[in-house]
Amino acid sequence: MKTSAKVGALSALGIILSASGYEVYSRNVENQKDEIACVTVHSRDAVIAVEKDLLNKSHTEMFGKNRITLGSLLFHNESVAKNGTRIIVPFTFASHRGQSEFQAVVRCSNLQDIEYDKL
């Protein structure tokens, strides 16, 4: 194998290892930010963020074409809980088809980062 090929292969390997190391470091920094934020953020802030998100954005993939109003949402404030770097916000959505139970998973360091799960 030529020297230039060896140098090229080693350079490529170095770049891959550097990128992998940066990815791991970035995840650790994000987790640290989330852990610190979870200490200071209040559960009520997460409930308010979920309420605003549901009222202001259409989530047709989760709720269909149903119009979400404040009257169609019931938040279970007593069951809101911190879980690692997330806050779990359970709620009931009432539509003309009946009621369905959901939970919102809110990232502590970014209250606009919300995922929804049907229970």
N, C-alpha and C. Protein backbone atom coordinates (compact mmCIF):
# COMPACT_ATOMS: atom_id res chain seq x y z
N MET A 1 0.85 -1.17 0.00
CA MET A 1 0.00 0.00 0.00
C MET A 1 0.89 1.23 0.00
N LYS A 2 0.55 2.18 -0.83
CA LYS A 2 1.34 3.40 -0.93
C LYS A 2 1.19 4.24 0.33
N THR A 3 2.20 5.05 0.57
CA THR A 3 2.20 5.93 1.73
C THR A 3 1.04 6.92 1.67
N SER A 4 0.78 7.46 0.49
CA SER A 4 -0.31 8.44 0.36
C SER A 4 -1.67 7.79 0.66
N ALA A 5 -1.85 6.54 0.30
CA ALA A 5 -3.10 5.83 0.59
C ALA A 5 -3.24 5.62 2.10
N LYS A 6 -2.12 5.27 2.75
CA LYS A 6 -2.15 5.07 4.21
C LYS A 6 -2.50 6.37 4.92
N VAL A 7 -1.89 7.46 4.47
CA VAL A 7 -2.15 8.77 5.07
C VAL A 7 -3.62 9.15 4.87
N GLY A 8 -4.14 8.91 3.69
CA GLY A 8 -5.54 9.21 3.40
C GLY A 8 -6.48 8.38 4.27
N ALA A 9 -6.18 7.09 4.41
CA ALA A 9 -7.02 6.22 5.23
C ALA A 9 -6.98 6.64 6.69
N LEU A 10 -5.79 6.97 7.19
CA LEU A 10 -5.67 7.42 8.58
C LEU A 10 -6.37 8.76 8.79
N SER A 11 -6.30 9.64 7.81
CA SER A 11 -7.00 10.93 7.92
C SER A 11 -8.51 10.72 7.99
N ALA A 12 -9.02 9.85 7.13
CA ALA A 12 -10.46 9.56 7.13
C ALA A 12 -10.88 8.95 8.46
N LEU A 13 -10.08 8.04 8.99
CA LEU A 13 -10.37 7.42 10.28
C LEU A 13 -10.37 8.47 11.39
N GLY A 14 -9.41 9.38 11.33
CA GLY A 14 -9.34 10.46 12.33
C GLY A 14 -10.56 11.36 12.29
N ILE A 15 -11.03 11.68 11.10
CA ILE A 15 -12.21 12.52 10.95
C ILE A 15 -13.44 11.81 11.51
N ILE A 16 -13.58 10.53 11.22
CA ILE A 16 -14.72 9.76 11.72
C ILE A 16 -14.70 9.70 13.24
N LEU A 17 -13.55 9.43 13.82
CA LEU A 17 -13.44 9.36 15.28
C LEU A 17 -13.71 10.72 15.92
N SER A 18 -13.24 11.79 15.30
CA SER A 18 -13.49 13.13 15.83
C SER A 18 -14.98 13.46 15.80
N ALA A 19 -15.64 13.13 14.70
CA ALA A 19 -17.08 13.39 14.58
C ALA A 19 -17.86 12.58 15.61
N SER A 20 -17.47 11.34 15.82
CA SER A 20 -18.15 10.50 16.82
C SER A 20 -17.96 11.07 18.22
N GLY A 21 -16.75 11.50 18.53
CA GLY A 21 -16.48 12.09 19.83
C GLY A 21 -17.28 13.35 20.06
N TYR A 22 -17.40 14.18 19.04
CA TYR A 22 -18.17 15.41 19.16
C TYR A 22 -19.65 15.10 19.40
N GLU A 23 -20.16 14.08 18.71
CA GLU A 23 -21.57 13.69 18.88
C GLU A 23 -21.84 13.25 20.31
N VAL A 24 -20.97 12.44 20.87
CA VAL A 24 -21.12 11.98 22.26
C VAL A 24 -21.03 13.16 23.21
N TYR A 25 -20.08 14.06 22.98
CA TYR A 25 -19.92 15.24 23.83
C TYR A 25 -21.16 16.13 23.77
N SER A 26 -21.71 16.33 22.58
CA SER A 26 -22.90 17.17 22.42
C SER A 26 -24.09 16.59 23.17
N ARG A 27 -24.26 15.28 23.11
CA ARG A 27 -25.36 14.64 23.83
C ARG A 27 -25.20 14.83 25.33
N ASN A 28 -23.98 14.70 25.83
CA ASN A 28 -23.73 14.88 27.25
C ASN A 28 -24.06 16.31 27.68
N VAL A 29 -23.67 17.29 26.87
CA VAL A 29 -23.96 18.69 27.19
C VAL A 29 -25.47 18.92 27.21
N GLU A 30 -26.19 18.37 26.23
CA GLU A 30 -27.64 18.51 26.18
C GLU A 30 -28.29 17.88 27.41
N ASN A 31 -27.83 16.69 27.78
CA ASN A 31 -28.39 16.03 28.97
C ASN A 31 -28.13 16.85 30.23
N GLN A 32 -26.95 17.45 30.33
CA GLN A 32 -26.64 18.29 31.49
C GLN A 32 -27.56 19.50 31.54
N LYS A 33 -27.80 20.12 30.39
CA LYS A 33 -28.71 21.28 30.33
C LYS A 33 -30.11 20.86 30.77
N ASP A 34 -30.56 19.70 30.28
CA ASP A 34 -31.89 19.21 30.65
C ASP A 34 -31.98 18.93 32.15
N GLU A 35 -30.95 18.30 32.71
CA GLU A 35 -30.96 17.98 34.14
C GLU A 35 -31.00 19.25 34.99
N ILE A 36 -30.22 20.25 34.61
CA ILE A 36 -30.21 21.52 35.34
C ILE A 36 -31.56 22.21 35.20
N ALA A 37 -32.10 22.20 33.99
CA ALA A 37 -33.40 22.85 33.75
C ALA A 37 -34.51 22.16 34.54
N CYS A 38 -34.46 20.85 34.66
CA CYS A 38 -35.51 20.12 35.38
C CYS A 38 -35.55 20.47 36.86
N VAL A 39 -34.43 20.90 37.39
CA VAL A 39 -34.40 21.30 38.80
C VAL A 39 -35.15 22.62 38.97
N THR A 40 -35.05 23.50 37.99
CA THR A 40 -35.60 24.85 38.13
C THR A 40 -36.99 25.03 37.51
N VAL A 41 -37.36 24.22 36.54
CA VAL A 41 -38.64 24.40 35.87
C VAL A 41 -39.77 23.84 36.75
N HIS A 42 -40.91 24.52 36.71
CA HIS A 42 -42.07 24.10 37.49
C HIS A 42 -43.01 23.29 36.61
N SER A 43 -43.67 22.33 37.20
CA SER A 43 -44.62 21.50 36.46
C SER A 43 -45.71 22.34 35.81
N ARG A 44 -46.14 23.38 36.48
CA ARG A 44 -47.19 24.26 35.95
C ARG A 44 -46.73 24.91 34.64
N ASP A 45 -45.44 25.25 34.53
CA ASP A 45 -44.92 25.83 33.29
C ASP A 45 -45.07 24.84 32.13
N ALA A 46 -44.85 23.57 32.40
CA ALA A 46 -45.00 22.55 31.36
C ALA A 46 -46.46 22.42 30.93
N VAL A 47 -47.38 22.46 31.89
CA VAL A 47 -48.81 22.38 31.57
C VAL A 47 -49.22 23.57 30.70
N ILE A 48 -48.76 24.75 31.04
CA ILE A 48 -49.08 25.95 30.26
C ILE A 48 -48.51 25.83 28.85
N ALA A 49 -47.28 25.31 28.72
CA ALA A 49 -46.66 25.14 27.40
C ALA A 49 -47.46 24.16 26.55
N VAL A 50 -47.91 23.06 27.15
CA VAL A 50 -48.71 22.07 26.41
C VAL A 50 -50.04 22.68 25.99
N GLU A 51 -50.68 23.39 26.89
CA GLU A 51 -51.96 24.03 26.59
C GLU A 51 -51.82 24.99 25.40
N LYS A 52 -50.80 25.84 25.43
CA LYS A 52 -50.57 26.78 24.33
C LYS A 52 -50.29 26.05 23.03
N ASP A 53 -49.48 24.99 23.10
CA ASP A 53 -49.12 24.23 21.91
C ASP A 53 -50.37 23.59 21.29
N LEU A 54 -51.20 23.00 22.12
CA LEU A 54 -52.41 22.35 21.60
C LEU A 54 -53.39 23.35 21.01
N LEU A 55 -53.52 24.51 21.61
CA LEU A 55 -54.47 25.51 21.13
C LEU A 55 -53.98 26.25 19.90
N ASN A 56 -52.66 26.37 19.74
CA ASN A 56 -52.11 27.19 18.66
C ASN A 56 -51.64 26.40 17.44
N LYS A 57 -51.40 25.11 17.58
CA LYS A 57 -50.92 24.30 16.46
C LYS A 57 -51.90 23.17 16.19
N SER A 58 -52.04 22.84 14.92
CA SER A 58 -52.89 21.69 14.60
C SER A 58 -52.02 20.43 14.66
N HIS A 59 -52.48 19.47 15.39
CA HIS A 59 -51.78 18.19 15.52
C HIS A 59 -52.66 17.10 14.92
N THR A 60 -52.90 17.22 13.61
CA THR A 60 -53.84 16.31 12.95
C THR A 60 -53.39 14.86 13.01
N GLU A 61 -52.08 14.61 13.06
CA GLU A 61 -51.59 13.24 13.12
C GLU A 61 -52.00 12.56 14.42
N MET A 62 -52.24 13.34 15.46
CA MET A 62 -52.60 12.78 16.77
C MET A 62 -54.10 12.94 17.06
N PHE A 63 -54.66 14.08 16.72
CA PHE A 63 -56.03 14.39 17.12
C PHE A 63 -57.01 14.45 15.94
N GLY A 64 -56.54 14.15 14.75
CA GLY A 64 -57.40 14.20 13.58
C GLY A 64 -57.76 15.64 13.25
N LYS A 65 -58.91 15.83 12.64
CA LYS A 65 -59.33 17.17 12.26
C LYS A 65 -60.15 17.85 13.35
N ASN A 66 -60.21 17.23 14.51
CA ASN A 66 -60.96 17.82 15.62
C ASN A 66 -60.36 19.16 16.02
N ARG A 67 -61.23 20.10 16.27
CA ARG A 67 -60.77 21.42 16.71
C ARG A 67 -60.56 21.36 18.22
N ILE A 68 -59.37 21.70 18.63
CA ILE A 68 -59.04 21.67 20.05
C ILE A 68 -59.36 23.03 20.66
N THR A 69 -60.16 23.02 21.70
CA THR A 69 -60.50 24.24 22.43
C THR A 69 -60.14 24.03 23.90
N LEU A 70 -60.12 25.11 24.64
CA LEU A 70 -59.82 25.02 26.06
C LEU A 70 -60.85 24.13 26.77
N GLY A 71 -62.09 24.18 26.32
CA GLY A 71 -63.14 23.36 26.92
C GLY A 71 -63.02 21.88 26.61
N SER A 72 -62.27 21.53 25.57
CA SER A 72 -62.12 20.11 25.21
C SER A 72 -60.91 19.46 25.88
N LEU A 73 -60.18 20.22 26.67
CA LEU A 73 -58.98 19.70 27.34
C LEU A 73 -59.18 19.65 28.85
N LEU A 74 -58.76 18.56 29.44
CA LEU A 74 -58.75 18.45 30.90
C LEU A 74 -57.37 17.95 31.30
N PHE A 75 -56.60 18.82 31.93
CA PHE A 75 -55.26 18.45 32.38
C PHE A 75 -55.34 17.82 33.77
N HIS A 76 -54.62 16.74 33.95
CA HIS A 76 -54.58 16.02 35.23
C HIS A 76 -53.38 16.54 36.02
N ASN A 77 -53.53 17.74 36.57
CA ASN A 77 -52.42 18.43 37.24
C ASN A 77 -51.81 17.62 38.37
N GLU A 78 -52.62 16.84 39.07
CA GLU A 78 -52.11 16.07 40.19
C GLU A 78 -51.19 14.93 39.73
N SER A 79 -51.25 14.57 38.45
CA SER A 79 -50.43 13.48 37.92
C SER A 79 -49.23 13.95 37.11
N VAL A 80 -49.05 15.26 36.98
CA VAL A 80 -47.88 15.78 36.26
C VAL A 80 -46.63 15.39 37.04
N ALA A 81 -45.63 14.84 36.32
CA ALA A 81 -44.45 14.35 37.01
C ALA A 81 -43.19 14.56 36.18
N LYS A 82 -42.10 14.82 36.87
CA LYS A 82 -40.79 14.90 36.22
C LYS A 82 -40.25 13.48 36.08
N ASN A 83 -39.71 13.20 34.91
CA ASN A 83 -39.17 11.88 34.63
C ASN A 83 -37.83 12.06 33.93
N GLY A 84 -36.76 12.09 34.69
CA GLY A 84 -35.44 12.31 34.12
C GLY A 84 -35.32 13.73 33.61
N THR A 85 -35.14 13.88 32.31
CA THR A 85 -34.99 15.20 31.70
C THR A 85 -36.27 15.67 31.01
N ARG A 86 -37.37 15.03 31.34
CA ARG A 86 -38.67 15.36 30.73
C ARG A 86 -39.72 15.55 31.82
N ILE A 87 -40.80 16.23 31.46
CA ILE A 87 -41.96 16.36 32.33
C ILE A 87 -43.13 15.71 31.60
N ILE A 88 -43.82 14.81 32.29
CA ILE A 88 -44.96 14.10 31.72
C ILE A 88 -46.23 14.83 32.14
N VAL A 89 -47.03 15.24 31.15
CA VAL A 89 -48.27 15.99 31.41
C VAL A 89 -49.44 15.17 30.86
N PRO A 90 -50.17 14.44 31.73
CA PRO A 90 -51.33 13.68 31.26
C PRO A 90 -52.55 14.59 31.09
N PHE A 91 -53.36 14.29 30.07
CA PHE A 91 -54.57 15.08 29.86
C PHE A 91 -55.60 14.25 29.11
N THR A 92 -56.84 14.71 29.19
CA THR A 92 -57.95 14.09 28.48
C THR A 92 -58.42 15.06 27.41
N PHE A 93 -58.66 14.53 26.21
CA PHE A 93 -59.19 15.32 25.10
C PHE A 93 -60.59 14.81 24.80
N ALA A 94 -61.57 15.69 24.88
CA ALA A 94 -62.96 15.34 24.61
C ALA A 94 -63.36 15.88 23.24
N SER A 95 -63.91 15.00 22.42
CA SER A 95 -64.41 15.40 21.10
C SER A 95 -65.80 14.81 20.93
N HIS A 96 -66.39 15.03 19.77
CA HIS A 96 -67.73 14.50 19.51
C HIS A 96 -67.74 12.97 19.50
N ARG A 97 -66.58 12.34 19.36
CA ARG A 97 -66.47 10.88 19.37
C ARG A 97 -66.28 10.31 20.77
N GLY A 98 -66.10 11.16 21.75
CA GLY A 98 -65.86 10.68 23.11
C GLY A 98 -64.57 11.25 23.67
N GLN A 99 -64.11 10.63 24.73
CA GLN A 99 -62.89 11.11 25.39
C GLN A 99 -61.74 10.16 25.12
N SER A 100 -60.54 10.74 25.01
CA SER A 100 -59.32 9.96 24.85
C SER A 100 -58.27 10.48 25.81
N GLU A 101 -57.46 9.56 26.32
CA GLU A 101 -56.39 9.92 27.25
C GLU A 101 -55.07 10.06 26.49
N PHE A 102 -54.34 11.11 26.81
CA PHE A 102 -53.05 11.37 26.18
C PHE A 102 -52.05 11.79 27.25
N GLN A 103 -50.80 11.81 26.85
CA GLN A 103 -49.78 12.44 27.67
C GLN A 103 -48.86 13.24 26.77
N ALA A 104 -48.45 14.37 27.27
CA ALA A 104 -47.45 15.19 26.59
C ALA A 104 -46.13 14.96 27.31
N VAL A 105 -45.07 14.82 26.53
CA VAL A 105 -43.73 14.66 27.09
C VAL A 105 -42.96 15.92 26.73
N VAL A 106 -42.65 16.72 27.74
CA VAL A 106 -42.06 18.04 27.54
C VAL A 106 -40.60 18.01 27.98
N ARG A 107 -39.73 18.51 27.13
CA ARG A 107 -38.30 18.57 27.46
C ARG A 107 -38.07 19.74 28.42
N CYS A 108 -37.37 19.46 29.52
CA CYS A 108 -37.18 20.48 30.56
C CYS A 108 -36.44 21.72 30.06
N SER A 109 -35.43 21.55 29.22
CA SER A 109 -34.63 22.70 28.79
C SER A 109 -35.26 23.46 27.63
N ASN A 110 -36.33 22.92 27.05
CA ASN A 110 -37.01 23.60 25.95
C ASN A 110 -38.48 23.23 26.02
N LEU A 111 -39.27 24.06 26.66
CA LEU A 111 -40.68 23.74 26.88
C LEU A 111 -41.50 23.73 25.59
N GLN A 112 -40.91 24.13 24.47
CA GLN A 112 -41.61 24.04 23.18
C GLN A 112 -41.32 22.71 22.50
N ASP A 113 -40.43 21.90 23.05
CA ASP A 113 -40.12 20.58 22.52
C ASP A 113 -41.06 19.58 23.19
N ILE A 114 -42.19 19.31 22.51
CA ILE A 114 -43.26 18.51 23.10
C ILE A 114 -43.61 17.35 22.16
N GLU A 115 -43.73 16.17 22.73
CA GLU A 115 -44.19 15.00 21.99
C GLU A 115 -45.47 14.51 22.66
N TYR A 116 -46.37 13.93 21.85
CA TYR A 116 -47.65 13.46 22.37
C TYR A 116 -47.78 11.96 22.16
N ASP A 117 -48.35 11.30 23.17
CA ASP A 117 -48.62 9.86 23.10
C ASP A 117 -50.05 9.61 23.52
N LYS A 118 -50.72 8.73 22.79
CA LYS A 118 -52.07 8.32 23.20
C LYS A 118 -51.91 7.18 24.19
N LEU A 119 -52.66 7.25 25.28
CA LEU A 119 -52.57 6.21 26.31
C LEU A 119 -53.64 5.15 26.12
